Amino acid sequence: MKQLINYCPVHGYKEEINAYPKGMQGYLEDSSLDGVELYVYDTKPYEEDYSDWATGVHLKYWPYWLDFWLNNKEELARNHKSVQDMQAYFGGAANQDQWLEVIQKNIGASLAVQPEYLVWHVSHCGLEEAFTRKFLYSDERIIDCTVEVFNQISSCLPDDVTVLFENLWWPGLKLTNPHLVERFFSKLNKSNVGIMLDSGHLMSTNMELRTEQEALQYIKRVVANLGSNKNLIKGMHFSCSLSGEYQKSAIGAMPEGITMGQILHHIGKIDQHRIFKEAALKEFVEYIAPTYLVHELFYGTMKELQNYIKQEQKMMSL
């Protein structure tokens, strides 16, 4: 099992790593880590070469995209102030074909660091839906349309790079319905695919969870229900999100005049990306048995992240 961290070379993190003895290599060694899962959200590669450390890459993610794919103009108007705003959101794309080109360019930029795997979200949630929970599209519709998108661009994916599809708590691939997992993977036209199980996202599908131990048992039950498709789990985004009470309290109309910063704060209150502090983790990690375990956490500094990792690794030995 390779242990990784989520990393984006933005201002602050990059300077801290460059100042670290032996740079990223020294940081990883001192943190008992094997590499990073690099965020690549652009259509051009980074100027710096991260290929020595980027074991995986998280692809660009559009939280709401199905209205665009289906040309649902009424819903597009709900989520975008103008046609120009919509096109900017989709990387300059004005239609399906142009967006597929944007996706392929993003994949091309990701492949520049020679990763072992790529991460692709399978979900859709409009801005208002994130508050009202009145979802327009079903899991089935989102899954089937994701298959359409993937199968149309899959020729740009090399056979030696695995695409890991990530679960969210919004409609899509939540992993809580084994039949939908089977449906999704049976329709893909590539075999080098699998699941990136996000523990925090899966916890957020159950608003009744209150303790870490309850959460770990819940995840194990969901995974067990997958049957043989459990073997599709190749990676795990590892974090804790016990947000059930907040989710219940936050259901309602989207506040008037809300800013994107406030929306992101709302999402962060649901998807907390905390470390596990209370539950022993050794048996749980061995049960999931991921090839890649990504400590996917919120952190202010790289030093803070290093402290979090050491705490969580201690719990993983218990």
Protein backbone atom coordinates (compact mmCIF):
# COMPACT_ATOMS: atom_id res chain seq x y z
CA MET A 1 0.00 0.00 0.00
CA LYS A 2 1.29 3.43 -0.96
CA GLN A 3 0.51 6.31 1.39
CA LEU A 4 0.01 9.67 -0.31
CA ILE A 5 -1.18 13.20 0.43
CA ASN A 6 -3.40 15.50 -1.58
CA TYR A 7 -1.29 18.36 -2.92
CA CYS A 8 -1.75 21.41 -5.10
CA PRO A 9 1.30 23.63 -5.71
CA VAL A 10 -0.40 26.89 -4.84
CA HIS A 11 1.19 29.90 -3.18
CA GLY A 12 2.31 29.07 0.34
CA TYR A 13 2.49 25.31 -0.01
CA LYS A 14 4.99 25.51 -2.85
CA GLU A 15 7.25 27.94 -1.01
CA GLU A 16 7.14 25.84 2.15
CA ILE A 17 8.09 22.68 0.24
CA ASN A 18 10.90 24.46 -1.63
CA ALA A 19 12.33 25.64 1.70
CA TYR A 20 12.15 22.15 3.23
CA PRO A 21 15.47 20.22 3.44
CA LYS A 22 15.66 18.17 0.20
CA GLY A 23 12.36 19.70 -0.90
CA MET A 24 9.41 17.43 -1.59
CA GLN A 25 11.55 14.31 -1.38
CA GLY A 26 12.67 15.22 2.12
CA TYR A 27 9.14 16.11 3.17
CA LEU A 28 7.77 12.78 1.99
CA GLU A 29 10.57 10.81 3.63
CA ASP A 30 10.12 12.60 6.96
CA SER A 31 6.37 11.99 6.78
CA SER A 32 6.66 8.27 5.89
CA LEU A 33 4.85 8.92 2.61
CA ASP A 34 5.32 7.48 -0.86
CA GLY A 35 4.14 10.38 -2.99
CA VAL A 36 1.34 12.82 -3.70
CA GLU A 37 -2.00 12.90 -5.44
CA LEU A 38 -1.60 16.06 -7.47
CA TYR A 39 -4.50 18.33 -8.39
CA VAL A 40 -4.40 19.15 -12.10
CA TYR A 41 -7.38 21.35 -12.96
CA ASP A 42 -5.91 23.12 -15.99
CA THR A 43 -5.59 22.10 -19.64
CA LYS A 44 -1.84 22.75 -19.61
CA PRO A 45 0.81 20.90 -17.58
CA TYR A 46 2.51 22.59 -14.65
CA GLU A 47 5.76 24.34 -15.53
CA GLU A 48 7.49 22.42 -12.73
CA ASP A 49 8.07 18.69 -13.13
CA TYR A 50 6.18 16.72 -10.48
CA SER A 51 6.63 13.33 -12.09
CA ASP A 52 9.01 12.11 -9.37
CA TRP A 53 6.31 12.43 -6.70
CA ALA A 54 2.92 12.42 -8.42
CA THR A 55 1.71 8.86 -7.95
CA GLY A 56 -1.82 9.94 -8.88
CA VAL A 57 -3.66 12.94 -10.30
CA HIS A 58 -7.07 14.32 -9.40
CA LEU A 59 -8.72 15.48 -12.62
CA LYS A 60 -10.72 18.69 -13.03
CA TYR A 61 -14.16 18.42 -11.44
CA TRP A 62 -17.35 20.19 -12.45
CA PRO A 63 -19.88 19.90 -9.56
CA TYR A 64 -22.80 20.72 -11.88
CA TRP A 65 -22.46 19.67 -15.50
CA LEU A 66 -25.43 17.51 -16.50
CA ASP A 67 -27.59 20.50 -17.48
CA PHE A 68 -24.86 21.44 -19.97
CA TRP A 69 -24.55 17.89 -21.29
CA LEU A 70 -28.33 17.63 -21.76
CA ASN A 71 -28.70 21.25 -22.94
CA ASN A 72 -31.22 21.93 -20.17
CA LYS A 73 -31.43 25.69 -20.66
CA GLU A 74 -33.75 26.33 -17.73
CA GLU A 75 -31.38 24.69 -15.24
CA LEU A 76 -28.33 26.27 -16.88
CA ALA A 77 -29.88 29.66 -16.20
CA ARG A 78 -30.24 28.75 -12.51
CA ASN A 79 -26.53 28.03 -12.10
CA HIS A 80 -24.98 30.59 -14.47
CA LYS A 81 -25.52 34.35 -14.65
CA SER A 82 -24.95 34.47 -18.41
CA VAL A 83 -23.88 32.43 -21.43
CA GLN A 84 -20.38 33.86 -21.00
CA ASP A 85 -20.32 32.78 -17.35
CA MET A 86 -21.41 29.28 -18.38
CA GLN A 87 -18.74 28.99 -21.06
CA ALA A 88 -16.06 30.19 -18.64
CA TYR A 89 -17.17 27.52 -16.14
CA PHE A 90 -16.74 24.82 -18.78
CA GLY A 91 -13.27 25.94 -19.83
CA GLY A 92 -14.48 28.01 -22.76
CA ALA A 93 -16.70 25.27 -24.16
CA ALA A 94 -19.94 26.27 -25.85
CA ASN A 95 -21.22 22.76 -26.57
CA GLN A 96 -20.72 19.06 -25.83
CA ASP A 97 -17.93 18.49 -28.35
CA GLN A 98 -15.90 21.45 -27.13
CA TRP A 99 -16.28 20.33 -23.51
CA LEU A 100 -15.07 16.85 -24.42
CA GLU A 101 -11.98 18.54 -25.87
CA VAL A 102 -11.46 20.42 -22.59
CA ILE A 103 -11.69 17.13 -20.67
CA GLN A 104 -9.17 15.48 -22.98
CA LYS A 105 -6.76 18.40 -22.63
CA ASN A 106 -7.07 18.19 -18.84
CA ILE A 107 -6.26 14.49 -19.03
CA GLY A 108 -3.31 15.26 -21.30
CA ALA A 109 -1.97 17.78 -18.78
CA SER A 110 -2.40 15.18 -16.04
CA LEU A 111 -0.56 12.48 -17.96
CA ALA A 112 2.46 14.79 -18.26
CA VAL A 113 3.49 13.82 -14.69
CA GLN A 114 3.31 10.10 -15.58
CA PRO A 115 0.81 9.10 -12.87
CA GLU A 116 -0.22 5.56 -12.02
CA TYR A 117 -3.87 6.60 -11.69
CA LEU A 118 -6.36 9.39 -12.36
CA VAL A 119 -9.37 10.32 -10.19
CA TRP A 120 -12.75 11.13 -11.78
CA HIS A 121 -15.79 12.28 -9.76
CA VAL A 122 -19.18 10.73 -10.60
CA SER A 123 -21.74 13.19 -9.33
CA HIS A 124 -23.92 16.20 -10.12
CA CYS A 125 -25.36 18.81 -7.77
CA GLY A 126 -26.63 22.28 -8.69
CA LEU A 127 -26.09 25.27 -6.43
CA GLU A 128 -29.63 25.35 -5.03
CA GLU A 129 -29.73 21.57 -4.75
CA ALA A 130 -26.77 21.70 -2.37
CA PHE A 131 -29.11 23.40 0.11
CA THR A 132 -32.62 22.18 -0.73
CA ARG A 133 -31.70 18.52 -1.37
CA LYS A 134 -34.43 18.54 -4.03
CA PHE A 135 -32.40 16.85 -6.75
CA LEU A 136 -33.47 17.02 -10.38
CA TYR A 137 -31.48 14.04 -11.66
CA SER A 138 -31.41 10.49 -10.32
CA ASP A 139 -28.32 8.43 -9.56
CA GLU A 140 -29.07 6.36 -12.66
CA ARG A 141 -29.23 9.37 -14.97
CA ILE A 142 -25.97 10.81 -13.66
CA ILE A 143 -24.20 7.46 -13.87
CA ASP A 144 -25.41 6.77 -17.40
CA CYS A 145 -24.39 10.23 -18.63
CA THR A 146 -20.99 9.92 -16.97
CA VAL A 147 -20.54 6.68 -18.93
CA GLU A 148 -21.43 8.56 -22.14
CA VAL A 149 -18.81 11.23 -21.42
CA PHE A 150 -16.12 8.76 -20.42
CA ASN A 151 -16.66 6.42 -23.35
CA GLN A 152 -16.39 9.29 -25.81
CA ILE A 153 -12.98 10.44 -24.52
CA SER A 154 -11.50 7.13 -23.34
CA SER A 155 -9.29 6.68 -26.40
CA CYS A 156 -6.92 9.31 -24.94
CA LEU A 157 -6.32 7.18 -21.84
CA PRO A 158 -3.27 4.86 -21.91
CA ASP A 159 -3.83 1.28 -20.80
CA ASP A 160 -1.14 1.50 -18.10
CA VAL A 161 -2.94 4.30 -16.20
CA THR A 162 -5.94 3.35 -14.06
CA VAL A 163 -8.99 5.61 -13.87
CA LEU A 164 -10.46 5.53 -10.37
CA PHE A 165 -14.03 6.80 -10.07
CA GLU A 166 -14.76 8.59 -6.81
CA ASN A 167 -17.97 8.44 -4.78
CA LEU A 168 -19.70 11.52 -3.42
CA TRP A 169 -22.71 12.02 -1.16
CA TRP A 170 -24.56 13.94 -3.88
CA PRO A 171 -26.51 11.97 -6.51
CA GLY A 172 -24.33 9.78 -8.69
CA LEU A 173 -21.93 7.05 -7.64
CA LYS A 174 -22.56 7.03 -3.88
CA LEU A 175 -21.63 3.30 -3.56
CA THR A 176 -24.64 2.67 -1.33
CA ASN A 177 -26.51 0.82 -4.10
CA PRO A 178 -24.56 -2.25 -5.32
CA HIS A 179 -26.75 -2.57 -8.42
CA LEU A 180 -25.82 0.92 -9.57
CA VAL A 181 -22.12 0.18 -9.05
CA GLU A 182 -22.50 -2.90 -11.23
CA ARG A 183 -24.50 -0.90 -13.80
CA PHE A 184 -21.85 1.80 -14.01
CA PHE A 185 -18.79 -0.38 -14.44
CA SER A 186 -20.51 -2.78 -16.83
CA LYS A 187 -21.05 0.07 -19.31
CA LEU A 188 -17.52 1.50 -19.39
CA ASN A 189 -15.51 0.72 -22.51
CA LYS A 190 -12.16 0.42 -20.69
CA SER A 191 -10.94 -2.25 -18.29
CA ASN A 192 -8.24 -0.20 -16.53
CA VAL A 193 -10.78 1.29 -14.13
CA GLY A 194 -11.67 1.05 -10.45
CA ILE A 195 -13.04 2.87 -7.42
CA MET A 196 -11.47 5.60 -5.33
CA LEU A 197 -13.41 5.12 -2.11
CA ASP A 198 -13.71 8.43 -0.29
CA SER A 199 -14.38 7.59 3.35
CA GLY A 200 -15.56 11.08 4.29
CA HIS A 201 -17.95 11.26 1.33
CA LEU A 202 -19.42 7.88 2.20
CA MET A 203 -19.86 8.93 5.83
CA SER A 204 -21.80 11.97 4.58
CA THR A 205 -24.43 9.70 3.01
CA ASN A 206 -25.55 8.70 6.53
CA MET A 207 -26.73 11.62 8.67
CA GLU A 208 -27.21 9.39 11.72
CA LEU A 209 -23.50 8.70 12.27
CA ARG A 210 -22.16 10.32 15.42
CA THR A 211 -18.88 8.54 16.25
CA GLU A 212 -15.83 7.45 14.30
CA GLN A 213 -16.40 3.82 15.22
CA GLU A 214 -19.98 3.95 13.92
CA ALA A 215 -18.66 5.48 10.71
CA LEU A 216 -16.02 2.80 10.15
CA GLN A 217 -18.58 0.04 10.69
CA TYR A 218 -20.97 1.75 8.28
CA ILE A 219 -18.31 1.98 5.57
CA LYS A 220 -17.45 -1.69 6.02
CA ARG A 221 -21.11 -2.68 5.64
CA VAL A 222 -21.45 -0.65 2.43
CA VAL A 223 -18.27 -2.17 1.03
CA ALA A 224 -19.32 -5.70 1.99
CA ASN A 225 -22.60 -5.17 0.13
CA LEU A 226 -20.65 -4.57 -3.08
CA GLY A 227 -19.86 -8.28 -3.22
CA SER A 228 -17.19 -9.09 -5.78
CA ASN A 229 -17.13 -5.43 -6.88
CA LYS A 230 -15.28 -4.70 -3.65
CA ASN A 231 -12.23 -5.71 -5.68
CA LEU A 232 -12.72 -2.58 -7.77
CA ILE A 233 -11.58 -0.48 -4.79
CA LYS A 234 -7.99 0.40 -5.68
CA GLY A 235 -7.65 3.60 -3.71
CA MET A 236 -9.06 5.37 -0.67
CA HIS A 237 -9.31 9.07 0.04
CA PHE A 238 -8.94 8.85 3.79
CA SER A 239 -10.63 11.44 5.98
CA CYS A 240 -13.36 11.78 8.58
CA SER A 241 -16.59 13.78 8.16
CA LEU A 242 -19.17 13.41 10.90
CA SER A 243 -21.47 16.10 9.57
CA GLY A 244 -24.92 14.55 9.99
CA GLU A 245 -26.21 17.12 12.49
CA TYR A 246 -25.05 20.00 10.32
CA GLN A 247 -26.57 18.48 7.19
CA LYS A 248 -29.94 18.13 8.88
CA SER A 249 -29.86 21.71 10.16
CA ALA A 250 -28.77 23.15 6.81
CA ILE A 251 -31.55 21.71 4.61
CA GLY A 252 -33.62 24.55 3.22
CA ALA A 253 -33.69 27.27 0.58
CA MET A 254 -30.41 28.68 -0.67
CA PRO A 255 -29.86 32.06 1.05
CA GLU A 256 -30.44 35.14 -1.08
CA GLY A 257 -27.32 36.90 -2.34
CA ILE A 258 -25.06 34.04 -1.31
CA THR A 259 -21.43 34.24 -2.42
CA MET A 260 -19.27 31.43 -3.77
CA GLY A 261 -17.19 31.68 -0.60
CA GLN A 262 -20.29 30.97 1.49
CA ILE A 263 -21.22 28.04 -0.74
CA LEU A 264 -17.75 26.56 -0.33
CA HIS A 265 -18.03 27.06 3.44
CA HIS A 266 -21.31 25.13 3.37
CA ILE A 267 -19.71 22.27 1.43
CA GLY A 268 -16.75 22.25 3.81
CA LYS A 269 -19.09 21.91 6.78
CA ILE A 270 -20.43 18.72 5.17
CA ASP A 271 -17.19 17.34 3.74
CA GLN A 272 -14.92 18.09 6.68
CA HIS A 273 -11.68 16.33 5.69
CA ARG A 274 -10.58 15.81 9.32
CA ILE A 275 -8.24 13.13 10.60
CA PHE A 276 -9.50 10.17 12.60
CA LYS A 277 -8.60 10.81 16.23
CA GLU A 278 -10.54 8.26 18.28
CA ALA A 279 -10.95 4.95 16.44
CA ALA A 280 -8.23 2.37 15.89
CA LEU A 281 -7.72 2.13 12.12
CA LYS A 282 -5.46 -0.86 11.44
CA GLU A 283 -8.19 -3.47 10.99
CA PHE A 284 -10.34 -1.09 8.92
CA VAL A 285 -7.54 -0.21 6.49
CA GLU A 286 -6.64 -3.88 6.14
CA TYR A 287 -10.27 -4.68 5.32
CA ILE A 288 -10.48 -2.04 2.59
CA ALA A 289 -6.99 -3.03 1.40
CA PRO A 290 -6.38 -0.10 -0.97
CA THR A 291 -3.34 0.03 -3.23
CA TYR A 292 -3.30 3.79 -2.66
CA LEU A 293 -4.26 5.44 0.64
CA VAL A 294 -4.48 9.21 0.26
CA HIS A 295 -4.55 11.26 3.45
CA GLU A 296 -6.95 13.80 1.90
CA LEU A 297 -7.20 16.52 4.51
CA PHE A 298 -7.83 20.23 4.93
CA TYR A 299 -4.65 21.93 6.11
CA GLY A 300 -3.27 25.43 6.46
CA THR A 301 0.42 24.67 6.11
CA MET A 302 2.52 21.72 5.02
CA LYS A 303 3.89 21.50 8.58
CA GLU A 304 0.34 21.25 9.93
CA LEU A 305 -0.40 18.50 7.42
CA GLN A 306 2.71 16.62 8.49
CA ASN A 307 1.50 16.68 12.11
CA TYR A 308 -1.92 15.40 11.03
CA ILE A 309 -0.35 12.57 9.03
CA LYS A 310 1.76 11.43 11.97
CA GLN A 311 -1.31 11.38 14.24
CA GLU A 312 -3.34 9.39 11.74
CA GLN A 313 -0.51 6.97 11.01
CA LYS A 314 -0.29 6.29 14.74
CA MET A 315 -4.00 5.38 14.75
CA MET A 316 -3.39 3.16 11.70
CA SER A 317 -0.99 1.06 13.77
CA LEU A 318 -3.66 0.36 16.41
